[in-house]
Amino acid sequence: MQPMGEQFTLKQATAHATAYLQPDGRLLVAAGSLAAAQAAGSIPPKQKALRETLLTAGVLRPTGDYLEFKENYVFVSANAAAAVIVARAVNAQLAWKHATGR
């Protein structure tokens, strides 16, 4: 799937991701985006399980001090994407920044 839609970025510690809002409200995280390698205790159980699934499937791969998205991945929501990427509970409305800065 080619990235299309409004662009957003998330930058926190080692996490640095680029994502595109899809017409149906889902969020496509682009290949090459970086996620935190170590999950915090506050990561919601669903997102912890999803991280493990993405690692097993090879969508996320360990690369140095972070995990790298080796392919585009569509999340059901910005909240799910943010929690998987920063590996802890997070407010997606504050974490994701629109490409225009708003």
Protein backbone atom coordinates (compact mmCIF):
# COMPACT_ATOMS: atom_id res chain seq x y z
CA MET A 1 0.00 0.00 0.00
CA GLN A 2 1.47 3.33 -1.05
CA PRO A 3 1.35 6.01 1.69
CA MET A 4 -1.38 8.56 0.97
CA GLY A 5 -3.38 10.96 3.10
CA GLU A 6 -2.55 13.65 5.63
CA GLN A 7 0.95 13.17 7.04
CA PHE A 8 1.72 13.00 10.75
CA THR A 9 4.95 12.43 12.68
CA LEU A 10 5.67 11.11 16.14
CA LYS A 11 9.02 11.78 17.85
CA GLN A 12 9.64 10.58 21.40
CA ALA A 13 13.02 9.32 22.69
CA THR A 14 14.21 6.68 20.18
CA ALA A 15 10.79 6.52 18.50
CA HIS A 16 10.45 8.43 15.23
CA ALA A 17 7.55 7.53 12.97
CA THR A 18 5.81 8.89 9.91
CA ALA A 19 2.17 8.04 9.34
CA TYR A 20 -0.66 8.84 6.95
CA LEU A 21 -4.31 9.20 7.91
CA GLN A 22 -6.43 6.93 5.73
CA PRO A 23 -9.92 7.90 4.49
CA ASP A 24 -11.49 5.30 6.82
CA GLY A 25 -9.76 6.78 9.91
CA ARG A 26 -7.06 4.16 10.20
CA LEU A 27 -3.41 5.20 10.37
CA LEU A 28 -0.74 3.84 8.01
CA VAL A 29 2.71 3.87 9.61
CA ALA A 30 5.38 4.04 6.92
CA ALA A 31 8.19 1.55 6.44
CA GLY A 32 11.40 2.89 7.95
CA SER A 33 9.64 4.32 11.00
CA LEU A 34 11.34 3.59 14.32
CA ALA A 35 9.72 2.28 17.50
CA ALA A 36 11.09 1.99 21.02
CA ALA A 37 12.81 -1.36 21.58
CA GLN A 38 11.86 -1.82 25.23
CA ALA A 39 8.22 -1.83 26.32
CA ALA A 40 7.31 -0.03 29.53
CA GLY A 41 5.03 -1.56 32.13
CA SER A 42 2.34 0.95 31.18
CA ILE A 43 1.89 -0.34 27.61
CA PRO A 44 -1.73 -1.49 27.22
CA PRO A 45 -2.04 -5.31 26.94
CA LYS A 46 -3.60 -5.17 23.45
CA GLN A 47 -0.76 -3.05 22.09
CA LYS A 48 1.85 -5.23 23.83
CA ALA A 49 0.37 -8.29 22.12
CA LEU A 50 0.24 -6.45 18.78
CA ARG A 51 3.94 -5.49 19.11
CA GLU A 52 4.78 -9.14 19.68
CA THR A 53 2.70 -10.14 16.65
CA LEU A 54 4.43 -7.53 14.48
CA LEU A 55 7.84 -8.75 15.65
CA THR A 56 6.96 -12.38 14.93
CA ALA A 57 5.62 -11.45 11.47
CA GLY A 58 8.75 -9.45 10.63
CA VAL A 59 6.89 -6.15 10.25
CA LEU A 60 8.99 -4.83 13.16
CA ARG A 61 12.65 -5.86 13.35
CA PRO A 62 15.26 -5.04 15.98
CA THR A 63 17.80 -2.55 14.66
CA GLY A 64 20.23 -1.23 17.25
CA ASP A 65 18.43 0.61 20.04
CA TYR A 66 15.02 0.52 18.35
CA LEU A 67 12.61 -1.51 16.28
CA GLU A 68 12.22 -0.62 12.61
CA PHE A 69 9.07 -1.00 10.53
CA LYS A 70 10.25 -3.06 7.56
CA GLU A 71 6.98 -2.45 5.70
CA ASN A 72 3.99 -0.14 5.88
CA TYR A 73 1.48 -1.18 8.52
CA VAL A 74 -2.10 0.06 8.94
CA PHE A 75 -3.28 0.47 12.53
CA VAL A 76 -6.97 0.66 13.48
CA SER A 77 -6.37 3.94 15.30
CA ALA A 78 -3.78 6.62 16.04
CA ASN A 79 -3.88 5.54 19.71
CA ALA A 80 -2.97 1.94 18.87
CA ALA A 81 -0.15 3.09 16.57
CA ALA A 82 1.29 5.50 19.15
CA ALA A 83 1.23 2.93 21.97
CA VAL A 84 2.96 0.31 19.81
CA ILE A 85 5.58 2.83 18.65
CA VAL A 86 6.47 4.42 22.00
CA ALA A 87 5.85 1.11 23.85
CA ARG A 88 3.83 2.63 26.67
CA ALA A 89 0.52 4.28 27.37
CA VAL A 90 0.36 7.55 25.45
CA ASN A 91 -2.09 10.27 24.42
CA ALA A 92 -2.13 10.02 20.63
CA GLN A 93 -3.60 13.52 20.24
CA LEU A 94 -0.45 14.93 21.81
CA ALA A 95 2.01 12.42 20.35
CA TRP A 96 1.14 12.75 16.64
CA LYS A 97 1.97 16.07 14.98
CA HIS A 98 0.48 17.11 11.64
CA ALA A 99 3.01 17.80 8.88
CA THR A 100 1.96 21.47 8.92
CA GLY A 101 2.87 21.72 12.61
CA ARG A 102 -0.66 21.82 13.96
